[in-house]
Amino acid sequence: MKRVESRMYVRDFIGFVYYEVITEISVMHNPANAPV
C-alpha cells in the first residue's frame, strides 16, 4: 500500500472512531440526541 493511501485510510478510521465516540457521549448525556 502506498504511504498516501495508508495515511488516508488512517485518517478516515480515526474520523470514524471519533464520530462514534462523540455519538456515544452525546447519547449518554442526552438520550434525545440519539441518531435514528
Protein backbone atom coordinates (compact mmCIF):
# COMPACT_ATOMS: atom_id res chain seq x y z
CA MET A 1 0.00 0.00 0.00
CA LYS A 2 1.26 3.45 -0.82
CA ARG A 3 2.04 5.83 2.02
CA VAL A 4 -0.58 8.36 0.91
CA GLU A 5 -3.27 5.69 0.71
CA SER A 6 -2.45 4.34 4.16
CA ARG A 7 -2.49 7.86 5.59
CA MET A 8 -5.93 8.50 4.10
CA TYR A 9 -7.16 5.19 5.49
CA VAL A 10 -5.84 6.03 8.95
CA ARG A 11 -7.44 9.48 8.80
CA ASP A 12 -10.81 8.01 7.78
CA PHE A 13 -10.56 5.36 10.51
CA ILE A 14 -9.74 7.96 13.17
CA GLY A 15 -12.58 10.15 11.93
CA PHE A 16 -14.99 7.21 12.15
CA VAL A 17 -13.88 6.32 15.68
CA TYR A 18 -14.05 9.98 16.73
CA TYR A 19 -17.62 10.24 15.39
CA GLU A 20 -18.62 7.04 17.18
CA VAL A 21 -17.19 8.30 20.48
CA ILE A 22 -18.88 11.69 20.17
CA THR A 23 -22.19 9.99 19.39
CA GLU A 24 -21.86 7.68 22.40
CA ILE A 25 -21.08 10.63 24.70
CA SER A 26 -23.98 12.65 23.30
CA VAL A 27 -26.40 9.77 23.83
CA MET A 28 -25.14 9.20 27.37
CA HIS A 29 -25.64 12.86 28.29
CA ASN A 30 -28.90 13.35 26.38
CA PRO A 31 -30.81 10.32 25.02
CA ALA A 32 -32.84 12.68 22.82
CA ASN A 33 -29.71 13.17 20.70
CA ALA A 34 -29.67 9.50 19.70
CA PRO A 35 -29.49 9.15 15.90
CA VAL A 36 -32.35 7.38 14.18
